[in-house]
Amino acid sequence: MELKLARPDLDAKPKPISIEKIEEIVKKEGNKIFYFDRENSHKDLMDMVDYFEKKGYSVYFREVKYGLDENDYIYEVHILA
């Protein structure tokens, strides 16, 4: 499964990252917070949360609004090893 990380700028394109790469980073660095772009489907993000919870990680997921527009949000996922 591939997800898109949050854009660093409003004009930038989101960078893709695989769930395997996320798992590799978490194993290497321990607790980690990832920010995902609004272009990701909610279902894909929930599948990722389930994937890590089945592997014994604690996962916190929330939507973060950064503006007044309805589309001004990103997803925050905190994975605890």
PDB file of N, CA and C in Angstrom:
ATOM      1  N   MET A   1       0.841  -1.174   0.000  1.00  0.00           N
ATOM      2  CA  MET A   1       0.000   0.000   0.000  1.00  0.00           C
ATOM      3  C   MET A   1       0.886   1.235   0.000  1.00  0.00           C
ATOM      4  N   GLU A   2       0.494   2.213  -0.791  1.00  0.00           N
ATOM      5  CA  GLU A   2       1.234   3.455  -0.854  1.00  0.00           C
ATOM      6  C   GLU A   2       0.352   4.611  -0.412  1.00  0.00           C
ATOM      7  N   LEU A   3       0.916   5.473   0.421  1.00  0.00           N
ATOM      8  CA  LEU A   3       0.225   6.649   0.927  1.00  0.00           C
ATOM      9  C   LEU A   3       1.010   7.882   0.530  1.00  0.00           C
ATOM     10  N   LYS A   4       0.383   9.050   0.655  1.00  0.00           N
ATOM     11  CA  LYS A   4       1.047  10.303   0.291  1.00  0.00           C
ATOM     12  C   LYS A   4       1.300  11.125   1.545  1.00  0.00           C
ATOM     13  N   LEU A   5       2.568  11.498   1.724  1.00  0.00           N
ATOM     14  CA  LEU A   5       2.920  12.356   2.848  1.00  0.00           C
ATOM     15  C   LEU A   5       2.394  13.768   2.596  1.00  0.00           C
ATOM     16  N   ALA A   6       2.202  14.519   3.664  1.00  0.00           N
ATOM     17  CA  ALA A   6       1.693  15.888   3.552  1.00  0.00           C
ATOM     18  C   ALA A   6       2.657  16.740   2.738  1.00  0.00           C
ATOM     19  N   ARG A   7       2.111  17.687   2.020  1.00  0.00           N
ATOM     20  CA  ARG A   7       2.912  18.595   1.196  1.00  0.00           C
ATOM     21  C   ARG A   7       3.651  19.584   2.091  1.00  0.00           C
ATOM     22  N   PRO A   8       4.905  19.863   1.792  1.00  0.00           N
ATOM     23  CA  PRO A   8       5.629  20.877   2.568  1.00  0.00           C
ATOM     24  C   PRO A   8       5.160  22.299   2.228  1.00  0.00           C
ATOM     25  N   ASP A   9       4.658  22.505   1.000  1.00  0.00           N
ATOM     26  CA  ASP A   9       4.119  23.791   0.541  1.00  0.00           C
ATOM     27  C   ASP A   9       2.791  23.531  -0.151  1.00  0.00           C
ATOM     28  N   LEU A  10       1.944  24.543  -0.209  1.00  0.00           N
ATOM     29  CA  LEU A  10       0.646  24.375  -0.854  1.00  0.00           C
ATOM     30  C   LEU A  10       0.766  24.061  -2.338  1.00  0.00           C
ATOM     31  N   ASP A  11       1.841  24.531  -2.977  1.00  0.00           N
ATOM     32  CA  ASP A  11       2.027  24.297  -4.412  1.00  0.00           C
ATOM     33  C   ASP A  11       2.757  22.991  -4.714  1.00  0.00           C
ATOM     34  N   ALA A  12       3.339  22.369  -3.708  1.00  0.00           N
ATOM     35  CA  ALA A  12       4.130  21.153  -3.915  1.00  0.00           C
ATOM     36  C   ALA A  12       3.211  19.945  -4.099  1.00  0.00           C
ATOM     37  N   LYS A  13       3.785  18.900  -4.678  1.00  0.00           N
ATOM     38  CA  LYS A  13       3.059  17.642  -4.819  1.00  0.00           C
ATOM     39  C   LYS A  13       3.381  16.761  -3.616  1.00  0.00           C
ATOM     40  N   PRO A  14       2.410  15.986  -3.130  1.00  0.00           N
ATOM     41  CA  PRO A  14       2.690  15.086  -2.008  1.00  0.00           C
ATOM     42  C   PRO A  14       3.606  13.946  -2.445  1.00  0.00           C
ATOM     43  N   LYS A  15       4.530  13.561  -1.555  1.00  0.00           N
ATOM     44  CA  LYS A  15       5.462  12.479  -1.870  1.00  0.00           C
ATOM     45  C   LYS A  15       4.883  11.146  -1.402  1.00  0.00           C
ATOM     46  N   PRO A  16       4.976  10.120  -2.243  1.00  0.00           N
ATOM     47  CA  PRO A  16       4.456   8.799  -1.848  1.00  0.00           C
ATOM     48  C   PRO A  16       5.415   8.078  -0.905  1.00  0.00           C
ATOM     49  N   ILE A  17       4.827   7.255  -0.035  1.00  0.00           N
ATOM     50  CA  ILE A  17       5.613   6.420   0.866  1.00  0.00           C
ATOM     51  C   ILE A  17       4.859   5.106   1.039  1.00  0.00           C
ATOM     52  N   SER A  18       5.588   4.014   1.070  1.00  0.00           N
ATOM     53  CA  SER A  18       4.951   2.701   1.215  1.00  0.00           C
ATOM     54  C   SER A  18       4.790   2.377   2.697  1.00  0.00           C
ATOM     55  N   ILE A  19       3.849   1.497   2.986  1.00  0.00           N
ATOM     56  CA  ILE A  19       3.623   1.089   4.371  1.00  0.00           C
ATOM     57  C   ILE A  19       4.843   0.341   4.910  1.00  0.00           C
ATOM     58  N   GLU A  20       5.562  -0.348   4.029  1.00  0.00           N
ATOM     59  CA  GLU A  20       6.779  -1.048   4.429  1.00  0.00           C
ATOM     60  C   GLU A  20       7.862  -0.061   4.857  1.00  0.00           C
ATOM     61  N   LYS A  21       7.968   1.053   4.139  1.00  0.00           N
ATOM     62  CA  LYS A  21       8.947   2.090   4.477  1.00  0.00           C
ATOM     63  C   LYS A  21       8.583   2.744   5.813  1.00  0.00           C
ATOM     64  N   ILE A  22       7.295   2.958   6.043  1.00  0.00           N
ATOM     65  CA  ILE A  22       6.848   3.515   7.320  1.00  0.00           C
ATOM     66  C   ILE A  22       7.233   2.573   8.451  1.00  0.00           C
ATOM     67  N   GLU A  23       6.992   1.286   8.252  1.00  0.00           N
ATOM     68  CA  GLU A  23       7.327   0.295   9.282  1.00  0.00           C
ATOM     69  C   GLU A  23       8.833   0.258   9.536  1.00  0.00           C
ATOM     70  N   GLU A  24       9.612   0.358   8.490  1.00  0.00           N
ATOM     71  CA  GLU A  24      11.077   0.381   8.609  1.00  0.00           C
ATOM     72  C   GLU A  24      11.522   1.591   9.446  1.00  0.00           C
ATOM     73  N   ILE A  25      10.947   2.746   9.188  1.00  0.00           N
ATOM     74  CA  ILE A  25      11.294   3.964   9.931  1.00  0.00           C
ATOM     75  C   ILE A  25      10.917   3.816  11.402  1.00  0.00           C
ATOM     76  N   VAL A  26       9.747   3.267  11.675  1.00  0.00           N
ATOM     77  CA  VAL A  26       9.290   3.101  13.061  1.00  0.00           C
ATOM     78  C   VAL A  26      10.185   2.111  13.803  1.00  0.00           C
ATOM     79  N   LYS A  27      10.571   1.028  13.143  1.00  0.00           N
ATOM     80  CA  LYS A  27      11.463   0.051  13.789  1.00  0.00           C
ATOM     81  C   LYS A  27      12.820   0.665  14.098  1.00  0.00           C
ATOM     82  N   LYS A  28      13.298   1.516  13.209  1.00  0.00           N
ATOM     83  CA  LYS A  28      14.611   2.129  13.353  1.00  0.00           C
ATOM     84  C   LYS A  28      14.608   3.248  14.400  1.00  0.00           C
ATOM     85  N   GLU A  29      13.584   4.112  14.356  1.00  0.00           N
ATOM     86  CA  GLU A  29      13.566   5.306  15.191  1.00  0.00           C
ATOM     87  C   GLU A  29      12.652   5.214  16.409  1.00  0.00           C
ATOM     88  N   GLY A  30      11.818   4.192  16.484  1.00  0.00           N
ATOM     89  CA  GLY A  30      10.884   4.091  17.603  1.00  0.00           C
ATOM     90  C   GLY A  30       9.639   4.921  17.342  1.00  0.00           C
ATOM     91  N   ASN A  31       9.153   5.612  18.358  1.00  0.00           N
ATOM     92  CA  ASN A  31       7.936   6.416  18.225  1.00  0.00           C
ATOM     93  C   ASN A  31       8.108   7.458  17.133  1.00  0.00           C
ATOM     94  N   LYS A  32       7.086   7.620  16.311  1.00  0.00           N
ATOM     95  CA  LYS A  32       7.213   8.519  15.165  1.00  0.00           C
ATOM     96  C   LYS A  32       5.844   9.112  14.825  1.00  0.00           C
ATOM     97  N   ILE A  33       5.855  10.377  14.417  1.00  0.00           N
ATOM     98  CA  ILE A  33       4.648  11.045  13.947  1.00  0.00           C
ATOM     99  C   ILE A  33       4.779  11.277  12.446  1.00  0.00           C
ATOM    100  N   PHE A  34       3.748  10.888  11.717  1.00  0.00           N
ATOM    101  CA  PHE A  34       3.704  11.087  10.272  1.00  0.00           C
ATOM    102  C   PHE A  34       2.519  11.985   9.946  1.00  0.00           C
ATOM    103  N   TYR A  35       2.699  12.837   8.945  1.00  0.00           N
ATOM    104  CA  TYR A  35       1.627  13.688   8.457  1.00  0.00           C
ATOM    105  C   TYR A  35       1.321  13.288   7.024  1.00  0.00           C
ATOM    106  N   PHE A  36       0.058  12.999   6.757  1.00  0.00           N
ATOM    107  CA  PHE A  36      -0.373  12.525   5.443  1.00  0.00           C
ATOM    108  C   PHE A  36      -1.287  13.536   4.776  1.00  0.00           C
ATOM    109  N   ASP A  37      -1.195  13.588   3.458  1.00  0.00           N
ATOM    110  CA  ASP A  37      -1.947  14.537   2.659  1.00  0.00           C
ATOM    111  C   ASP A  37      -3.432  14.187   2.609  1.00  0.00           C
ATOM    112  N   ARG A  38      -4.245  15.197   2.369  1.00  0.00           N
ATOM    113  CA  ARG A  38      -5.698  14.993   2.283  1.00  0.00           C
ATOM    114  C   ARG A  38      -6.096  14.177   1.055  1.00  0.00           C
ATOM    115  N   GLU A  39      -5.173  13.987   0.097  1.00  0.00           N
ATOM    116  CA  GLU A  39      -5.472  13.171  -1.093  1.00  0.00           C
ATOM    117  C   GLU A  39      -5.591  11.683  -0.763  1.00  0.00           C
ATOM    118  N   ASN A  40      -5.105  11.275   0.396  1.00  0.00           N
ATOM    119  CA  ASN A  40      -5.247   9.877   0.804  1.00  0.00           C
ATOM    120  C   ASN A  40      -6.702   9.603   1.159  1.00  0.00           C
ATOM    121  N   SER A  41      -7.144   8.402   0.855  1.00  0.00           N
ATOM    122  CA  SER A  41      -8.512   8.058   1.246  1.00  0.00           C
ATOM    123  C   SER A  41      -8.524   7.697   2.726  1.00  0.00           C
ATOM    124  N   HIS A  42      -9.621   8.037   3.369  1.00  0.00           N
ATOM    125  CA  HIS A  42      -9.765   7.734   4.799  1.00  0.00           C
ATOM    126  C   HIS A  42      -9.656   6.226   5.025  1.00  0.00           C
ATOM    127  N   LYS A  43     -10.207   5.447   4.110  1.00  0.00           N
ATOM    128  CA  LYS A  43     -10.171   3.986   4.217  1.00  0.00           C
ATOM    129  C   LYS A  43      -8.731   3.466   4.191  1.00  0.00           C
ATOM    130  N   ASP A  44      -7.893   4.002   3.299  1.00  0.00           N
ATOM    131  CA  ASP A  44      -6.498   3.569   3.232  1.00  0.00           C
ATOM    132  C   ASP A  44      -5.767   3.875   4.542  1.00  0.00           C
ATOM    133  N   LEU A  45      -6.041   5.035   5.107  1.00  0.00           N
ATOM    134  CA  LEU A  45      -5.400   5.390   6.378  1.00  0.00           C
ATOM    135  C   LEU A  45      -5.888   4.482   7.508  1.00  0.00           C
ATOM    136  N   MET A  46      -7.164   4.146   7.514  1.00  0.00           N
ATOM    137  CA  MET A  46      -7.684   3.225   8.532  1.00  0.00           C
ATOM    138  C   MET A  46      -7.086   1.830   8.353  1.00  0.00           C
ATOM    139  N   ASP A  47      -6.869   1.424   7.109  1.00  0.00           N
ATOM    140  CA  ASP A  47      -6.209   0.138   6.853  1.00  0.00           C
ATOM    141  C   ASP A  47      -4.783   0.152   7.394  1.00  0.00           C
ATOM    142  N   MET A  48      -4.094   1.295   7.255  1.00  0.00           N
ATOM    143  CA  MET A  48      -2.742   1.416   7.796  1.00  0.00           C
ATOM    144  C   MET A  48      -2.762   1.332   9.322  1.00  0.00           C
ATOM    145  N   VAL A  49      -3.718   2.001   9.944  1.00  0.00           N
ATOM    146  CA  VAL A  49      -3.853   1.957  11.404  1.00  0.00           C
ATOM    147  C   VAL A  49      -4.068   0.504  11.847  1.00  0.00           C
ATOM    148  N   ASP A  50      -4.975  -0.199  11.180  1.00  0.00           N
ATOM    149  CA  ASP A  50      -5.230  -1.613  11.505  1.00  0.00           C
ATOM    150  C   ASP A  50      -3.978  -2.465  11.330  1.00  0.00           C
ATOM    151  N   TYR A  51      -3.231  -2.210  10.261  1.00  0.00           N
ATOM    152  CA  TYR A  51      -1.999  -2.950   9.970  1.00  0.00           C
ATOM    153  C   TYR A  51      -1.020  -2.847  11.141  1.00  0.00           C
ATOM    154  N   PHE A  52      -0.803  -1.623  11.628  1.00  0.00           N
ATOM    155  CA  PHE A  52       0.154  -1.433  12.719  1.00  0.00           C
ATOM    156  C   PHE A  52      -0.385  -1.921  14.057  1.00  0.00           C
ATOM    157  N   GLU A  53      -1.688  -1.795  14.291  1.00  0.00           N
ATOM    158  CA  GLU A  53      -2.260  -2.301  15.537  1.00  0.00           C
ATOM    159  C   GLU A  53      -2.170  -3.822  15.602  1.00  0.00           C
ATOM    160  N   LYS A  54      -2.350  -4.499  14.472  1.00  0.00           N
ATOM    161  CA  LYS A  54      -2.216  -5.960  14.434  1.00  0.00           C
ATOM    162  C   LYS A  54      -0.787  -6.403  14.722  1.00  0.00           C
ATOM    163  N   LYS A  55       0.182  -5.537  14.445  1.00  0.00           N
ATOM    164  CA  LYS A  55       1.591  -5.842  14.700  1.00  0.00           C
ATOM    165  C   LYS A  55       2.002  -5.454  16.117  1.00  0.00           C
ATOM    166  N   GLY A  56       1.050  -4.959  16.926  1.00  0.00           N
ATOM    167  CA  GLY A  56       1.326  -4.664  18.323  1.00  0.00           C
ATOM    168  C   GLY A  56       1.708  -3.224  18.628  1.00  0.00           C
ATOM    169  N   TYR A  57       1.592  -2.332  17.647  1.00  0.00           N
ATOM    170  CA  TYR A  57       1.891  -0.919  17.865  1.00  0.00           C
ATOM    171  C   TYR A  57       0.637  -0.200  18.371  1.00  0.00           C
ATOM    172  N   SER A  58       0.833   0.869  19.118  1.00  0.00           N
ATOM    173  CA  SER A  58      -0.268   1.770  19.457  1.00  0.00           C
ATOM    174  C   SER A  58      -0.268   2.879  18.419  1.00  0.00           C
ATOM    175  N   VAL A  59      -1.441   3.159  17.862  1.00  0.00           N
ATOM    176  CA  VAL A  59      -1.538   4.141  16.786  1.00  0.00           C
ATOM    177  C   VAL A  59      -2.625   5.160  17.124  1.00  0.00           C
ATOM    178  N   TYR A  60      -2.259   6.431  17.033  1.00  0.00           N
ATOM    179  CA  TYR A  60      -3.205   7.519  17.245  1.00  0.00           C
ATOM    180  C   TYR A  60      -3.378   8.264  15.931  1.00  0.00           C
ATOM    181  N   PHE A  61      -4.616   8.450  15.534  1.00  0.00           N
ATOM    182  CA  PHE A  61      -4.950   9.028  14.233  1.00  0.00           C
ATOM    183  C   PHE A  61      -5.903  10.199  14.440  1.00  0.00           C
ATOM    184  N   ARG A  62      -5.616  11.314  13.769  1.00  0.00           N
ATOM    185  CA  ARG A  62      -6.548  12.437  13.833  1.00  0.00           C
ATOM    186  C   ARG A  62      -6.410  13.312  12.601  1.00  0.00           C
ATOM    187  N   GLU A  63      -7.457  14.076  12.362  1.00  0.00           N
ATOM    188  CA  GLU A  63      -7.477  15.037  11.271  1.00  0.00           C
ATOM    189  C   GLU A  63      -7.095  16.395  11.856  1.00  0.00           C
ATOM    190  N   VAL A  64      -6.150  17.082  11.211  1.00  0.00           N
ATOM    191  CA  VAL A  64      -5.673  18.378  11.687  1.00  0.00           C
ATOM    192  C   VAL A  64      -6.083  19.452  10.679  1.00  0.00           C
ATOM    193  N   LYS A  65      -6.884  20.405  11.132  1.00  0.00           N
ATOM    194  CA  LYS A  65      -7.283  21.532  10.272  1.00  0.00           C
ATOM    195  C   LYS A  65      -6.271  22.648  10.447  1.00  0.00           C
ATOM    196  N   TYR A  66      -5.857  23.260   9.332  1.00  0.00           N
ATOM    197  CA  TYR A  66      -4.883  24.348   9.407  1.00  0.00           C
ATOM    198  C   TYR A  66      -5.394  25.635   8.775  1.00  0.00           C
ATOM    199  N   GLY A  67      -6.642  25.662   8.394  1.00  0.00           N
ATOM    200  CA  GLY A  67      -7.228  26.863   7.797  1.00  0.00           C
ATOM    201  C   GLY A  67      -8.732  26.839   7.924  1.00  0.00           C
ATOM    202  N   LEU A  68      -9.364  27.859   7.397  1.00  0.00           N
ATOM    203  CA  LEU A  68     -10.815  27.963   7.495  1.00  0.00           C
ATOM    204  C   LEU A  68     -11.549  27.217   6.392  1.00  0.00           C
ATOM    205  N   ASP A  69     -10.874  26.960   5.289  1.00  0.00           N
ATOM    206  CA  ASP A  69     -11.498  26.251   4.175  1.00  0.00           C
ATOM    207  C   ASP A  69     -11.753  24.799   4.566  1.00  0.00           C
ATOM    208  N   GLU A  70     -12.801  24.235   4.009  1.00  0.00           N
ATOM    209  CA  GLU A  70     -13.168  22.845   4.280  1.00  0.00           C
ATOM    210  C   GLU A  70     -12.055  21.861   3.889  1.00  0.00           C
ATOM    211  N   ASN A  71     -11.258  22.217   2.876  1.00  0.00           N
ATOM    212  CA  ASN A  71     -10.198  21.333   2.391  1.00  0.00           C
ATOM    213  C   ASN A  71      -8.835  21.625   2.996  1.00  0.00           C
ATOM    214  N   ASP A  72      -8.761  22.461   4.007  1.00  0.00           N
ATOM    215  CA  ASP A  72      -7.494  22.779   4.665  1.00  0.00           C
ATOM    216  C   ASP A  72      -7.266  21.846   5.846  1.00  0.00           C
ATOM    217  N   TYR A  73      -6.874  20.617   5.525  1.00  0.00           N
ATOM    218  CA  TYR A  73      -6.593  19.648   6.591  1.00  0.00           C
ATOM    219  C   TYR A  73      -5.559  18.644   6.112  1.00  0.00           C
ATOM    220  N   ILE A  74      -4.909  18.022   7.080  1.00  0.00           N
ATOM    221  CA  ILE A  74      -4.007  16.895   6.847  1.00  0.00           C
ATOM    222  C   ILE A  74      -4.330  15.845   7.903  1.00  0.00           C
ATOM    223  N   TYR A  75      -3.770  14.691   7.750  1.00  0.00           N
ATOM    224  CA  TYR A  75      -3.944  13.626   8.735  1.00  0.00           C
ATOM    225  C   TYR A  75      -2.665  13.459   9.534  1.00  0.00           C
ATOM    226  N   GLU A  76      -2.807  13.318  10.837  1.00  0.00           N
ATOM    227  CA  GLU A  76      -1.665  13.079  11.717  1.00  0.00           C
ATOM    228  C   GLU A  76      -1.784  11.650  12.259  1.00  0.00           C
ATOM    229  N   VAL A  77      -0.710  10.890  12.137  1.00  0.00           N
ATOM    230  CA  VAL A  77      -0.681   9.522  12.639  1.00  0.00           C
ATOM    231  C   VAL A  77       0.560   9.376  13.523  1.00  0.00           C
ATOM    232  N   HIS A  78       0.321   9.055  14.795  1.00  0.00           N
ATOM    233  CA  HIS A  78       1.405   8.868  15.750  1.00  0.00           C
ATOM    234  C   HIS A  78       1.503   7.369  16.030  1.00  0.00           C
ATOM    235  N   ILE A  79       2.647   6.781  15.697  1.00  0.00           N
ATOM    236  CA  ILE A  79       2.849   5.337  15.890  1.00  0.00           C
ATOM    237  C   ILE A  79       3.829   5.143  17.032  1.00  0.00           C
ATOM    238  N   LEU A  80       3.388   4.430  18.069  1.00  0.00           N
ATOM    239  CA  LEU A  80       4.216   4.168  19.239  1.00  0.00           C
ATOM    240  C   LEU A  80       4.691   2.724  19.213  1.00  0.00           C
ATOM    241  N   ALA A  81       5.997   2.545  19.292  1.00  0.00           N
ATOM    242  CA  ALA A  81       6.574   1.207  19.241  1.00  0.00           C
ATOM    243  C   ALA A  81       6.457   0.518  20.586  1.00  0.00           C
TER     244      ALA A  81
END
